[in-house]
C-alpha atoms as a PDB file:
ATOM      1  CA  MET A   1       0.000   0.000   0.000  1.00  0.00           C
ATOM      2  CA  LYS A   2       1.310   3.419  -0.934  1.00  0.00           C
ATOM      3  CA  LYS A   3       1.937   6.064   1.726  1.00  0.00           C
ATOM      4  CA  ILE A   4       2.684   9.772   1.501  1.00  0.00           C
ATOM      5  CA  TYR A   5       6.295  10.784   2.065  1.00  0.00           C
ATOM      6  CA  SER A   6       8.107  14.124   2.039  1.00  0.00           C
ATOM      7  CA  LEU A   7      10.712  14.385  -0.700  1.00  0.00           C
ATOM      8  CA  ILE A   8      13.281  17.167  -1.075  1.00  0.00           C
ATOM      9  CA  THR A   9      13.035  18.029  -4.767  1.00  0.00           C
ATOM     10  CA  GLY A  10      15.181  21.144  -4.837  1.00  0.00           C
ATOM     11  CA  THR A  11      17.808  22.898  -2.744  1.00  0.00           C
ATOM     12  CA  GLY A  12      19.564  26.243  -2.715  1.00  0.00           C
ATOM     13  CA  SER A  13      22.001  28.219  -0.602  1.00  0.00           C
ATOM     14  CA  TYR A  14      23.676  31.594  -0.418  1.00  0.00           C
ATOM     15  CA  VAL A  15      27.233  31.988   0.797  1.00  0.00           C
ATOM     16  CA  PRO A  16      28.080  35.719   1.137  1.00  0.00           C
ATOM     17  CA  SER A  17      31.059  36.920  -0.868  1.00  0.00           C
ATOM     18  CA  LYS A  18      32.687  38.879   1.962  1.00  0.00           C
ATOM     19  CA  VAL A  19      35.479  36.707   3.390  1.00  0.00           C
ATOM     20  CA  VAL A  20      36.671  37.485   6.928  1.00  0.00           C
ATOM     21  CA  LYS A  21      39.853  35.656   7.889  1.00  0.00           C
ATOM     22  CA  ASN A  22      41.153  35.048  11.399  1.00  0.00           C
ATOM     23  CA  ASP A  23      43.937  37.563  10.886  1.00  0.00           C
ATOM     24  CA  ASP A  24      41.257  40.231  10.456  1.00  0.00           C
ATOM     25  CA  PHE A  25      40.647  39.961  14.211  1.00  0.00           C
ATOM     26  CA  LEU A  26      44.227  40.737  15.209  1.00  0.00           C
ATOM     27  CA  ASN A  27      43.388  44.386  15.850  1.00  0.00           C
ATOM     28  CA  TYR A  28      40.265  43.684  17.887  1.00  0.00           C
ATOM     29  CA  ASP A  29      40.086  44.664  21.555  1.00  0.00           C
ATOM     30  CA  PHE A  30      39.091  41.369  23.193  1.00  0.00           C
ATOM     31  CA  LEU A  31      37.883  41.576  26.791  1.00  0.00           C
ATOM     32  CA  GLU A  32      36.966  39.181  29.590  1.00  0.00           C
ATOM     33  CA  SER A  33      33.344  39.081  30.743  1.00  0.00           C
ATOM     34  CA  THR A  34      34.451  41.325  33.633  1.00  0.00           C
ATOM     35  CA  GLY A  35      35.405  44.042  31.159  1.00  0.00           C
ATOM     36  CA  GLU A  36      39.130  43.596  31.743  1.00  0.00           C
ATOM     37  CA  LYS A  37      41.468  43.130  28.785  1.00  0.00           C
ATOM     38  CA  ILE A  38      42.421  39.512  28.087  1.00  0.00           C
ATOM     39  CA  ASP A  39      45.979  38.978  29.268  1.00  0.00           C
ATOM     40  CA  LYS A  40      47.147  37.448  25.981  1.00  0.00           C
ATOM     41  CA  GLU A  41      48.327  38.721  22.636  1.00  0.00           C
ATOM     42  CA  ASN A  42      45.676  38.608  19.922  1.00  0.00           C
ATOM     43  CA  ARG A  43      47.873  36.299  17.845  1.00  0.00           C
ATOM     44  CA  GLU A  44      47.728  33.730  20.633  1.00  0.00           C
ATOM     45  CA  ILE A  45      43.957  34.219  21.044  1.00  0.00           C
ATOM     46  CA  VAL A  46      43.294  33.806  17.330  1.00  0.00           C
ATOM     47  CA  ASP A  47      45.582  30.792  16.920  1.00  0.00           C
ATOM     48  CA  LYS A  48      44.046  29.054  19.944  1.00  0.00           C
ATOM     49  CA  PHE A  49      40.574  29.798  18.577  1.00  0.00           C
ATOM     50  CA  GLU A  50      41.384  28.100  15.271  1.00  0.00           C
ATOM     51  CA  GLU A  51      42.905  25.124  17.082  1.00  0.00           C
ATOM     52  CA  ILE A  52      39.729  24.652  19.147  1.00  0.00           C
ATOM     53  CA  THR A  53      37.107  25.317  16.446  1.00  0.00           C
ATOM     54  CA  THR A  54      38.972  24.575  13.151  1.00  0.00           C
ATOM     55  CA  ILE A  55      37.571  27.876  11.792  1.00  0.00           C
ATOM     56  CA  SER A  56      40.079  29.813   9.676  1.00  0.00           C
ATOM     57  CA  GLU A  57      37.613  32.115   7.912  1.00  0.00           C
ATOM     58  CA  ARG A  58      33.928  32.935   7.724  1.00  0.00           C
ATOM     59  CA  ARG A  59      31.501  34.842   5.476  1.00  0.00           C
ATOM     60  CA  TYR A  60      29.690  38.094   6.304  1.00  0.00           C
ATOM     61  CA  ALA A  61      26.799  39.747   4.504  1.00  0.00           C
ATOM     62  CA  GLU A  62      27.548  43.010   2.710  1.00  0.00           C
ATOM     63  CA  ASP A  63      26.188  46.177   4.345  1.00  0.00           C
ATOM     64  CA  HIS A  64      23.400  46.519   1.784  1.00  0.00           C
ATOM     65  CA  GLN A  65      22.145  42.953   2.374  1.00  0.00           C
ATOM     66  CA  LEU A  66      19.405  42.107   4.863  1.00  0.00           C
ATOM     67  CA  THR A  67      18.620  38.673   6.254  1.00  0.00           C
ATOM     68  CA  SER A  68      15.609  38.364   3.939  1.00  0.00           C
ATOM     69  CA  ASP A  69      17.847  39.189   0.956  1.00  0.00           C
ATOM     70  CA  LEU A  70      20.074  36.200   1.744  1.00  0.00           C
ATOM     71  CA  ALA A  71      16.988  34.024   2.253  1.00  0.00           C
ATOM     72  CA  LEU A  72      15.542  35.187  -1.071  1.00  0.00           C
ATOM     73  CA  ILE A  73      18.593  34.069  -3.056  1.00  0.00           C
ATOM     74  CA  ALA A  74      18.589  30.605  -1.458  1.00  0.00           C
ATOM     75  CA  ALA A  75      14.820  30.304  -1.999  1.00  0.00           C
ATOM     76  CA  GLU A  76      15.061  31.261  -5.680  1.00  0.00           C
ATOM     77  CA  GLN A  77      17.724  28.597  -6.194  1.00  0.00           C
ATOM     78  CA  ALA A  78      15.616  25.936  -4.472  1.00  0.00           C
ATOM     79  CA  ILE A  79      12.527  26.795  -6.535  1.00  0.00           C
ATOM     80  CA  GLU A  80      14.533  26.695  -9.764  1.00  0.00           C
ATOM     81  CA  SER A  81      16.187  23.439  -8.743  1.00  0.00           C
ATOM     82  CA  ALA A  82      12.810  21.816  -8.038  1.00  0.00           C
ATOM     83  CA  GLY A  83      11.276  23.188 -11.236  1.00  0.00           C
ATOM     84  CA  ILE A  84       8.017  24.122  -9.523  1.00  0.00           C
ATOM     85  CA  ASP A  85       5.544  26.954  -9.932  1.00  0.00           C
ATOM     86  CA  ARG A  86       6.016  29.110  -6.828  1.00  0.00           C
ATOM     87  CA  GLU A  87       2.299  29.937  -6.826  1.00  0.00           C
ATOM     88  CA  GLU A  88       1.624  26.275  -5.963  1.00  0.00           C
ATOM     89  CA  LEU A  89       3.462  26.493  -2.643  1.00  0.00           C
ATOM     90  CA  ASP A  90       1.283  25.687   0.370  1.00  0.00           C
ATOM     91  CA  TYR A  91       3.721  26.999   2.997  1.00  0.00           C
ATOM     92  CA  VAL A  92       6.768  29.227   3.240  1.00  0.00           C
ATOM     93  CA  ILE A  93       8.493  28.454   6.561  1.00  0.00           C
ATOM     94  CA  LEU A  94      11.533  30.512   7.475  1.00  0.00           C
ATOM     95  CA  ALA A  95      13.809  29.651  10.398  1.00  0.00           C
ATOM     96  CA  HIS A  96      15.970  32.403  11.874  1.00  0.00           C
ATOM     97  CA  ASN A  97      16.985  33.775  15.264  1.00  0.00           C
ATOM     98  CA  PHE A  98      17.519  37.517  14.904  1.00  0.00           C
ATOM     99  CA  GLY A  99      15.088  38.783  12.315  1.00  0.00           C
ATOM    100  CA  GLU A 100      15.922  41.467   9.767  1.00  0.00           C
ATOM    101  CA  THR A 101      19.269  42.611  11.125  1.00  0.00           C
ATOM    102  CA  GLN A 102      20.661  45.984  10.046  1.00  0.00           C
ATOM    103  CA  PRO A 103      24.326  47.086   9.921  1.00  0.00           C
ATOM    104  CA  ASN A 104      25.458  48.719  13.184  1.00  0.00           C
ATOM    105  CA  ASP A 105      22.097  48.013  14.828  1.00  0.00           C
ATOM    106  CA  THR A 106      21.439  45.109  17.187  1.00  0.00           C
ATOM    107  CA  ARG A 107      17.692  45.675  17.407  1.00  0.00           C
ATOM    108  CA  ILE A 108      15.703  42.633  16.321  1.00  0.00           C
ATOM    109  CA  ASP A 109      13.071  43.344  13.647  1.00  0.00           C
ATOM    110  CA  ILE A 110      10.558  40.490  13.229  1.00  0.00           C
ATOM    111  CA  LEU A 111       7.407  42.337  12.176  1.00  0.00           C
ATOM    112  CA  PRO A 112       6.300  41.468   9.598  1.00  0.00           C
ATOM    113  CA  THR A 113       7.715  37.960   9.672  1.00  0.00           C
ATOM    114  CA  LEU A 114      10.713  37.226   7.489  1.00  0.00           C
ATOM    115  CA  ALA A 115       8.713  34.491   5.773  1.00  0.00           C
ATOM    116  CA  SER A 116       6.130  37.087   4.724  1.00  0.00           C
ATOM    117  CA  ARG A 117       8.875  39.415   3.486  1.00  0.00           C
ATOM    118  CA  VAL A 118      10.483  36.651   1.437  1.00  0.00           C
ATOM    119  CA  LYS A 119       7.108  35.573   0.064  1.00  0.00           C
ATOM    120  CA  ALA A 120       6.541  39.157  -1.092  1.00  0.00           C
ATOM    121  CA  LYS A 121      10.024  39.387  -2.606  1.00  0.00           C
ATOM    122  CA  LEU A 122       9.380  36.110  -4.436  1.00  0.00           C
ATOM    123  CA  GLY A 123       6.259  37.709  -5.933  1.00  0.00           C
ATOM    124  CA  ILE A 124       3.963  34.952  -4.643  1.00  0.00           C
ATOM    125  CA  ARG A 125       0.363  36.240  -4.753  1.00  0.00           C
ATOM    126  CA  SER A 126      -1.461  33.092  -3.645  1.00  0.00           C
ATOM    127  CA  PRO A 127      -3.114  33.617  -0.216  1.00  0.00           C
ATOM    128  CA  GLN A 128      -2.957  29.837   0.200  1.00  0.00           C
ATOM    129  CA  ALA A 129       0.831  30.025   0.551  1.00  0.00           C
ATOM    130  CA  ILE A 130       0.950  30.359   4.335  1.00  0.00           C
ATOM    131  CA  ALA A 131       4.082  32.206   5.460  1.00  0.00           C
ATOM    132  CA  TYR A 132       5.433  32.078   8.995  1.00  0.00           C
ATOM    133  CA  ASP A 133       8.679  32.063  10.970  1.00  0.00           C
ATOM    134  CA  ILE A 134      10.077  29.530  13.393  1.00  0.00           C
ATOM    135  CA  LEU A 135      12.438  30.344  16.286  1.00  0.00           C
ATOM    136  CA  TYR A 136      14.205  27.268  17.623  1.00  0.00           C
ATOM    137  CA  GLY A 137      17.851  28.252  17.923  1.00  0.00           C
ATOM    138  CA  CYS A 138      20.393  26.805  15.521  1.00  0.00           C
ATOM    139  CA  PRO A 139      18.227  23.670  14.944  1.00  0.00           C
ATOM    140  CA  GLY A 140      15.469  25.910  13.520  1.00  0.00           C
ATOM    141  CA  TRP A 141      15.753  24.835   9.890  1.00  0.00           C
ATOM    142  CA  VAL A 142      15.763  21.132  10.758  1.00  0.00           C
ATOM    143  CA  GLN A 143      12.708  21.698  12.980  1.00  0.00           C
ATOM    144  CA  ALA A 144      10.971  23.585  10.157  1.00  0.00           C
ATOM    145  CA  LEU A 145      11.691  20.585   7.919  1.00  0.00           C
ATOM    146  CA  ILE A 146      10.054  18.362  10.532  1.00  0.00           C
ATOM    147  CA  GLN A 147       6.980  20.627  10.573  1.00  0.00           C
ATOM    148  CA  ALA A 148       6.841  20.497   6.788  1.00  0.00           C
ATOM    149  CA  ASP A 149       6.877  16.707   6.963  1.00  0.00           C
ATOM    150  CA  TYR A 150       3.879  16.720   9.311  1.00  0.00           C
ATOM    151  CA  TYR A 151       1.911  18.987   6.971  1.00  0.00           C
ATOM    152  CA  ILE A 152       2.684  16.805   3.977  1.00  0.00           C
ATOM    153  CA  ARG A 153       2.021  13.441   5.612  1.00  0.00           C
ATOM    154  CA  SER A 154      -1.293  14.719   6.960  1.00  0.00           C
ATOM    155  CA  GLY A 155      -2.387  15.563   3.422  1.00  0.00           C
ATOM    156  CA  ASP A 156      -2.632  19.287   4.264  1.00  0.00           C
ATOM    157  CA  ALA A 157       0.141  20.314   1.885  1.00  0.00           C
ATOM    158  CA  LYS A 158       1.878  19.150  -1.266  1.00  0.00           C
ATOM    159  CA  LYS A 159       4.668  21.706  -1.758  1.00  0.00           C
ATOM    160  CA  ILE A 160       6.536  23.594   0.969  1.00  0.00           C
ATOM    161  CA  LEU A 161       9.481  25.992   0.879  1.00  0.00           C
ATOM    162  CA  VAL A 162      11.693  25.666   3.984  1.00  0.00           C
ATOM    163  CA  ILE A 163      14.351  28.357   4.489  1.00  0.00           C
ATOM    164  CA  GLY A 164      17.025  28.988   7.097  1.00  0.00           C
ATOM    165  CA  ALA A 165      18.782  32.357   7.228  1.00  0.00           C
ATOM    166  CA  ASP A 166      20.756  34.308   9.825  1.00  0.00           C
ATOM    167  CA  VAL A 167      23.130  37.274   9.938  1.00  0.00           C
ATOM    168  CA  LEU A 168      25.035  36.668  13.154  1.00  0.00           C
ATOM    169  CA  SER A 169      27.837  39.115  12.408  1.00  0.00           C
ATOM    170  CA  ARG A 170      25.588  42.033  13.356  1.00  0.00           C
ATOM    171  CA  ILE A 171      24.549  40.753  16.774  1.00  0.00           C
ATOM    172  CA  SER A 172      27.935  39.468  17.985  1.00  0.00           C
ATOM    173  CA  ASP A 173      29.960  41.450  20.532  1.00  0.00           C
ATOM    174  CA  PRO A 174      33.220  42.635  18.886  1.00  0.00           C
ATOM    175  CA  HIS A 175      34.915  42.492  22.314  1.00  0.00           C
ATOM    176  CA  ASP A 176      33.982  38.833  22.877  1.00  0.00           C
ATOM    177  CA  ARG A 177      36.415  36.315  21.366  1.00  0.00           C
ATOM    178  CA  ASP A 178      33.462  33.966  20.763  1.00  0.00           C
ATOM    179  CA  SER A 179      32.336  36.431  18.087  1.00  0.00           C
ATOM    180  CA  MET A 180      34.899  34.844  15.754  1.00  0.00           C
ATOM    181  CA  ILE A 181      32.670  31.756  15.543  1.00  0.00           C
ATOM    182  CA  TYR A 182      29.699  33.493  13.969  1.00  0.00           C
ATOM    183  CA  ALA A 183      28.930  33.926  10.291  1.00  0.00           C
ATOM    184  CA  ASP A 184      26.112  34.755   7.881  1.00  0.00           C
ATOM    185  CA  GLY A 185      24.288  32.712   5.256  1.00  0.00           C
ATOM    186  CA  ALA A 186      21.088  31.109   4.010  1.00  0.00           C
ATOM    187  CA  GLY A 187      19.899  27.722   2.798  1.00  0.00           C
ATOM    188  CA  ALA A 188      16.578  26.436   1.469  1.00  0.00           C
ATOM    189  CA  ALA A 189      14.775  23.362   0.236  1.00  0.00           C
ATOM    190  CA  ILE A 190      11.545  22.525  -1.564  1.00  0.00           C
ATOM    191  CA  VAL A 191       9.716  19.616   0.068  1.00  0.00           C
ATOM    192  CA  GLU A 192       7.032  17.833  -1.962  1.00  0.00           C
ATOM    193  CA  ALA A 193       4.548  15.059  -1.307  1.00  0.00           C
ATOM    194  CA  VAL A 194       5.135  11.739  -3.079  1.00  0.00           C
ATOM    195  CA  GLU A 195       3.317   8.428  -2.854  1.00  0.00           C
ATOM    196  CA  SER A 196       5.489   5.359  -2.473  1.00  0.00           C
ATOM    197  CA  GLU A 197       5.119   1.727  -1.451  1.00  0.00           C
ATOM    198  CA  THR A 198       8.579   1.838   0.146  1.00  0.00           C
ATOM    199  CA  PRO A 199       9.868   4.475   2.584  1.00  0.00           C
ATOM    200  CA  VAL A 200      11.592   7.370   0.808  1.00  0.00           C
ATOM    201  CA  GLY A 201      12.506  10.960   1.580  1.00  0.00           C
ATOM    202  CA  ILE A 202      11.943  11.874   5.219  1.00  0.00           C
ATOM    203  CA  ILE A 203      11.428   8.512   6.898  1.00  0.00           C
ATOM    204  CA  GLY A 204      11.775   9.627  10.507  1.00  0.00           C
ATOM    205  CA  HIS A 205      12.786  12.386  12.881  1.00  0.00           C
ATOM    206  CA  ASN A 206      13.496  13.058  16.520  1.00  0.00           C
ATOM    207  CA  SER A 207      13.667  16.199  18.707  1.00  0.00           C
ATOM    208  CA  ARG A 208      14.310  17.123  22.324  1.00  0.00           C
ATOM    209  CA  SER A 209      14.407  20.293  24.461  1.00  0.00           C
ATOM    210  CA  ASP A 210      16.449  20.448  27.667  1.00  0.00           C
ATOM    211  CA  SER A 211      15.330  23.821  28.971  1.00  0.00           C
ATOM    212  CA  MET A 212      15.317  23.252  32.728  1.00  0.00           C
ATOM    213  CA  ASP A 213      19.073  22.906  33.206  1.00  0.00           C
ATOM    214  CA  TYR A 214      20.493  24.400  30.015  1.00  0.00           C
ATOM    215  CA  VAL A 215      18.248  27.270  28.920  1.00  0.00           C
ATOM    216  CA  ASN A 216      20.930  29.971  29.278  1.00  0.00           C
ATOM    217  CA  LEU A 217      23.894  28.303  27.577  1.00  0.00           C
ATOM    218  CA  LEU A 218      23.151  30.624  24.653  1.00  0.00           C
ATOM    219  CA  HIS A 219      21.494  33.940  25.466  1.00  0.00           C
ATOM    220  CA  MET A 220      21.491  37.657  24.777  1.00  0.00           C
ATOM    221  CA  GLY A 221      23.648  39.831  27.027  1.00  0.00           C
ATOM    222  CA  TYR A 222      25.483  43.134  27.266  1.00  0.00           C
ATOM    223  CA  SER A 223      28.829  43.817  25.607  1.00  0.00           C
ATOM    224  CA  TYR A 224      31.994  43.093  27.577  1.00  0.00           C
ATOM    225  CA  ASP A 225      32.918  46.718  26.838  1.00  0.00           C
ATOM    226  CA  ARG A 226      31.371  48.685  29.700  1.00  0.00           C
ATOM    227  CA  GLU A 227      30.834  51.743  27.496  1.00  0.00           C
ATOM    228  CA  LEU A 228      28.829  49.709  24.975  1.00  0.00           C
ATOM    229  CA  ALA A 229      27.023  47.880  27.785  1.00  0.00           C
ATOM    230  CA  GLY A 230      25.778  51.232  29.046  1.00  0.00           C
ATOM    231  CA  LYS A 231      23.883  51.677  25.775  1.00  0.00           C
ATOM    232  CA  LYS A 232      21.752  48.624  26.649  1.00  0.00           C
ATOM    233  CA  ASP A 233      22.369  46.895  23.316  1.00  0.00           C
ATOM    234  CA  LEU A 234      22.219  43.113  23.576  1.00  0.00           C
ATOM    235  CA  TYR A 235      24.624  40.704  21.895  1.00  0.00           C
ATOM    236  CA  LEU A 236      24.787  36.950  21.409  1.00  0.00           C
ATOM    237  CA  LYS A 237      26.539  35.278  24.343  1.00  0.00           C
ATOM    238  CA  MET A 238      27.584  31.673  24.861  1.00  0.00           C
ATOM    239  CA  ASN A 239      28.811  29.426  27.660  1.00  0.00           C
ATOM    240  CA  GLY A 240      31.086  27.511  25.312  1.00  0.00           C
ATOM    241  CA  ARG A 241      32.495  24.978  27.758  1.00  0.00           C
ATOM    242  CA  ARG A 242      29.117  23.824  29.106  1.00  0.00           C
ATOM    243  CA  LEU A 243      27.581  23.888  25.625  1.00  0.00           C
ATOM    244  CA  TYR A 244      30.352  21.612  24.358  1.00  0.00           C
ATOM    245  CA  GLN A 245      29.714  19.177  27.221  1.00  0.00           C
ATOM    246  CA  TYR A 246      25.949  19.258  26.690  1.00  0.00           C
ATOM    247  CA  ALA A 247      26.227  18.615  22.953  1.00  0.00           C
ATOM    248  CA  LEU A 248      28.758  15.819  23.363  1.00  0.00           C
ATOM    249  CA  GLU A 249      26.576  14.053  25.905  1.00  0.00           C
ATOM    250  CA  ASN A 250      23.187  14.485  24.246  1.00  0.00           C
ATOM    251  CA  VAL A 251      23.488  14.853  20.469  1.00  0.00           C
ATOM    252  CA  PRO A 252      24.779  11.292  19.869  1.00  0.00           C
ATOM    253  CA  LYS A 253      21.970   9.884  22.017  1.00  0.00           C
ATOM    254  CA  ALA A 254      19.378  11.933  20.148  1.00  0.00           C
ATOM    255  CA  ILE A 255      20.649  10.689  16.777  1.00  0.00           C
ATOM    256  CA  LYS A 256      20.662   7.086  17.984  1.00  0.00           C
ATOM    257  CA  SER A 257      17.140   7.454  19.331  1.00  0.00           C
ATOM    258  CA  GLY A 258      15.968   8.565  15.885  1.00  0.00           C
ATOM    259  CA  LEU A 259      17.704   5.612  14.234  1.00  0.00           C
ATOM    260  CA  ASP A 260      16.325   3.203  16.828  1.00  0.00           C
ATOM    261  CA  LYS A 261      12.754   4.278  15.979  1.00  0.00           C
ATOM    262  CA  LEU A 262      13.369   3.047  12.448  1.00  0.00           C
ATOM    263  CA  LYS A 263      15.353  -0.021  13.520  1.00  0.00           C
ATOM    264  CA  LEU A 264      18.381   1.350  11.683  1.00  0.00           C
ATOM    265  CA  HIS A 265      22.035   0.953  12.664  1.00  0.00           C
ATOM    266  CA  VAL A 266      24.637   3.702  12.350  1.00  0.00           C
ATOM    267  CA  ASN A 267      26.280   1.577   9.634  1.00  0.00           C
ATOM    268  CA  ASP A 268      23.097   2.132   7.598  1.00  0.00           C
ATOM    269  CA  VAL A 269      23.893   5.865   7.442  1.00  0.00           C
ATOM    270  CA  LYS A 270      25.835   7.177   4.433  1.00  0.00           C
ATOM    271  CA  LYS A 271      26.219  10.794   5.583  1.00  0.00           C
ATOM    272  CA  VAL A 272      25.790  12.740   8.796  1.00  0.00           C
ATOM    273  CA  LEU A 273      25.038  16.381   7.991  1.00  0.00           C
ATOM    274  CA  ILE A 274      25.560  18.099  11.329  1.00  0.00           C
ATOM    275  CA  HIS A 275      25.186  21.716  12.401  1.00  0.00           C
ATOM    276  CA  GLN A 276      28.495  23.463  11.778  1.00  0.00           C
ATOM    277  CA  ALA A 277      29.069  24.875  15.274  1.00  0.00           C
ATOM    278  CA  ASN A 278      32.615  23.810  16.138  1.00  0.00           C
ATOM    279  CA  GLY A 279      34.791  21.466  14.091  1.00  0.00           C
ATOM    280  CA  LYS A 280      36.399  19.714  17.044  1.00  0.00           C
ATOM    281  CA  MET A 281      33.026  19.380  18.785  1.00  0.00           C
ATOM    282  CA  ASP A 282      31.427  17.827  15.696  1.00  0.00           C
ATOM    283  CA  ASP A 283      34.303  15.336  15.422  1.00  0.00           C
ATOM    284  CA  ALA A 284      33.830  14.387  19.079  1.00  0.00           C
ATOM    285  CA  ILE A 285      30.054  14.007  18.604  1.00  0.00           C
ATOM    286  CA  LEU A 286      30.588  11.651  15.660  1.00  0.00           C
ATOM    287  CA  LYS A 287      33.079   9.547  17.625  1.00  0.00           C
ATOM    288  CA  ARG A 288      30.679   9.363  20.566  1.00  0.00           C
ATOM    289  CA  LEU A 289      27.827   8.345  18.220  1.00  0.00           C
ATOM    290  CA  PHE A 290      29.794   5.420  16.790  1.00  0.00           C
ATOM    291  CA  LYS A 291      30.988   4.531  20.282  1.00  0.00           C
ATOM    292  CA  LEU A 292      27.336   3.980  21.262  1.00  0.00           C
ATOM    293  CA  TYR A 293      27.458   1.106  18.763  1.00  0.00           C
ATOM    294  CA  ASN A 294      30.862  -0.076  20.051  1.00  0.00           C
ATOM    295  CA  ILE A 295      32.525   1.054  16.823  1.00  0.00           C
ATOM    296  CA  ASN A 296      35.945   2.682  17.052  1.00  0.00           C
ATOM    297  CA  ASP A 297      36.796   2.949  13.352  1.00  0.00           C
ATOM    298  CA  ILE A 298      34.624   5.630  11.762  1.00  0.00           C
ATOM    299  CA  PRO A 299      34.100   5.338   7.979  1.00  0.00           C
ATOM    300  CA  GLU A 300      35.887   8.003   5.970  1.00  0.00           C
ATOM    301  CA  SER A 301      33.887  10.900   4.539  1.00  0.00           C
ATOM    302  CA  VAL A 302      30.759  10.160   6.570  1.00  0.00           C
ATOM    303  CA  MET A 303      30.600  13.744   7.891  1.00  0.00           C
ATOM    304  CA  PRO A 304      31.143  16.542   5.318  1.00  0.00           C
ATOM    305  CA  MET A 305      32.252  19.802   6.928  1.00  0.00           C
ATOM    306  CA  THR A 306      32.150  23.464   5.895  1.00  0.00           C
ATOM    307  CA  ILE A 307      32.882  25.233   9.183  1.00  0.00           C
ATOM    308  CA  SER A 308      36.588  25.791   8.521  1.00  0.00           C
ATOM    309  CA  TRP A 309      35.794  28.261   5.730  1.00  0.00           C
ATOM    310  CA  LEU A 310      32.140  29.224   6.309  1.00  0.00           C
ATOM    311  CA  GLY A 311      32.036  29.492  10.095  1.00  0.00           C
ATOM    312  CA  ASN A 312      28.817  29.027  12.077  1.00  0.00           C
ATOM    313  CA  SER A 313      25.820  30.591  10.296  1.00  0.00           C
ATOM    314  CA  SER A 314      23.305  29.062  12.729  1.00  0.00           C
ATOM    315  CA  VAL A 315      20.111  27.854  11.003  1.00  0.00           C
ATOM    316  CA  ALA A 316      21.792  28.159   7.596  1.00  0.00           C
ATOM    317  CA  THR A 317      24.539  25.595   8.209  1.00  0.00           C
ATOM    318  CA  VAL A 318      22.577  22.367   7.651  1.00  0.00           C
ATOM    319  CA  PRO A 319      20.580  23.444   4.552  1.00  0.00           C
ATOM    320  CA  THR A 320      23.735  24.976   3.039  1.00  0.00           C
ATOM    321  CA  LEU A 321      25.616  21.736   3.637  1.00  0.00           C
ATOM    322  CA  LEU A 322      22.712  19.730   2.205  1.00  0.00           C
ATOM    323  CA  ASP A 323      22.606  21.908  -0.912  1.00  0.00           C
ATOM    324  CA  MET A 324      26.329  21.515  -1.495  1.00  0.00           C
ATOM    325  CA  VAL A 325      26.155  17.740  -1.111  1.00  0.00           C
ATOM    326  CA  MET A 326      23.040  17.472  -3.312  1.00  0.00           C
ATOM    327  CA  ARG A 327      24.696  19.538  -6.028  1.00  0.00           C
ATOM    328  CA  GLY A 328      27.926  17.541  -5.861  1.00  0.00           C
ATOM    329  CA  ALA A 329      29.860  20.610  -4.735  1.00  0.00           C
ATOM    330  CA  MET A 330      31.606  18.889  -1.800  1.00  0.00           C
ATOM    331  CA  ASN A 331      34.775  17.147  -2.914  1.00  0.00           C
ATOM    332  CA  GLY A 332      34.870  13.521  -1.806  1.00  0.00           C
ATOM    333  CA  HIS A 333      31.176  13.441  -0.942  1.00  0.00           C
ATOM    334  CA  SER A 334      28.563  11.851  -3.167  1.00  0.00           C
ATOM    335  CA  ILE A 335      25.168  10.316  -2.498  1.00  0.00           C
ATOM    336  CA  SER A 336      23.134   7.737  -4.384  1.00  0.00           C
ATOM    337  CA  SER A 337      19.632   6.316  -4.477  1.00  0.00           C
ATOM    338  CA  GLY A 338      18.826   4.402  -1.300  1.00  0.00           C
ATOM    339  CA  ASP A 339      21.439   6.203   0.832  1.00  0.00           C
ATOM    340  CA  ASN A 340      20.324   7.253   4.310  1.00  0.00           C
ATOM    341  CA  LEU A 341      21.298  10.734   5.496  1.00  0.00           C
ATOM    342  CA  VAL A 342      21.097  12.126   9.020  1.00  0.00           C
ATOM    343  CA  LEU A 343      20.436  15.864   9.289  1.00  0.00           C
ATOM    344  CA  THR A 344      21.031  16.986  12.871  1.00  0.00           C
ATOM    345  CA  SER A 345      21.497  20.171  14.849  1.00  0.00           C
ATOM    346  CA  VAL A 346      21.896  21.522  18.380  1.00  0.00           C
ATOM    347  CA  GLY A 347      21.438  25.016  19.736  1.00  0.00           C
ATOM    348  CA  ALA A 348      19.816  27.578  21.993  1.00  0.00           C
ATOM    349  CA  GLY A 349      17.052  26.375  24.211  1.00  0.00           C
ATOM    350  CA  MET A 350      18.806  23.921  24.487  1.00  0.00           C
ATOM    351  CA  ASN A 351      17.314  22.028  21.571  1.00  0.00           C
ATOM    352  CA  ILE A 352      18.456  19.032  19.537  1.00  0.00           C
ATOM    353  CA  ASN A 353      16.838  17.392  16.530  1.00  0.00           C
ATOM    354  CA  SER A 354      17.571  14.952  13.748  1.00  0.00           C
ATOM    355  CA  VAL A 355      15.948  13.896  10.498  1.00  0.00           C
ATOM    356  CA  ILE A 356      16.538  10.598   8.733  1.00  0.00           C
ATOM    357  CA  TYR A 357      16.324  11.082   4.982  1.00  0.00           C
ATOM    358  CA  ARG A 358      16.417   8.300   2.369  1.00  0.00           C
ATOM    359  CA  MET A 359      17.509   9.278  -1.120  1.00  0.00           C
ATOM    360  CA  PRO A 360      14.971   8.334  -3.816  1.00  0.00           C
END
């Protein structure tokens, strides 16, 4: 008997052209959370940062670009890739965390929703194309994909545009060394309903929220510069050490739980597309995942990575990675019919999710 499944029929992404290398931070005035100057040379700070995160450069939006502009480019690519009529879309779901960020302005602008702005920029007139935003931290795009799957499997929708876009460079504290992690970007996918006798497309997913003990690992706070802090502007702040520990302990278990639901083994997975938060952390998560299956030797090329040159663009990392893999733009990474992919992310809330996707 045939069932309805959610198939990704098109993808797109936008990687800003402005390259910011680690050496560009050598003249920054990095401070401790107390406001005191860090007692290290910037060269040592920058080199240690790259050693810990593997990030050597990242991409920033140009001053004339808004978050919705980045989202628009990725959306246009996804629509073209899928070859659909945009007026047939049932939903436009846009995941972000900081709204329509402006240069030199940390105020968060989310009215109207970014999804509505992108729908307007796409020229979609159909009132049946429901546009809304989702706020779920860095796992926002994966969670939006999960919502799209529910709409499609229920029979409520047949075509959905799912976008993830963030401009973190404008809400990061220039006096906080963690600001070197953040980047800008956008990714998108078209999800369509298909009928199949065998499982295909999104075949399962899993999410969790650990708010009680971990809600403030990522939060908004004042600048470490006391003069800026007096202006009451808020910037993205992170408890990196505890976040690393939380992710290492819980992300592998969340992925395994999703595989267990489908009675799949980690050896059944061709690729793990993980949120690009920290290169060393992602490596440790993968090792811990395979360790749950008592496997010490991890297959080569199971986890494609972009963080070393794209940085952490929050909700945009997973759809950008997916687009690059789908388009064959990641050297050494290819996928074929029947391959199982895991799309997984972790972020503010604290939230974790994963999607199991089977290539048609």
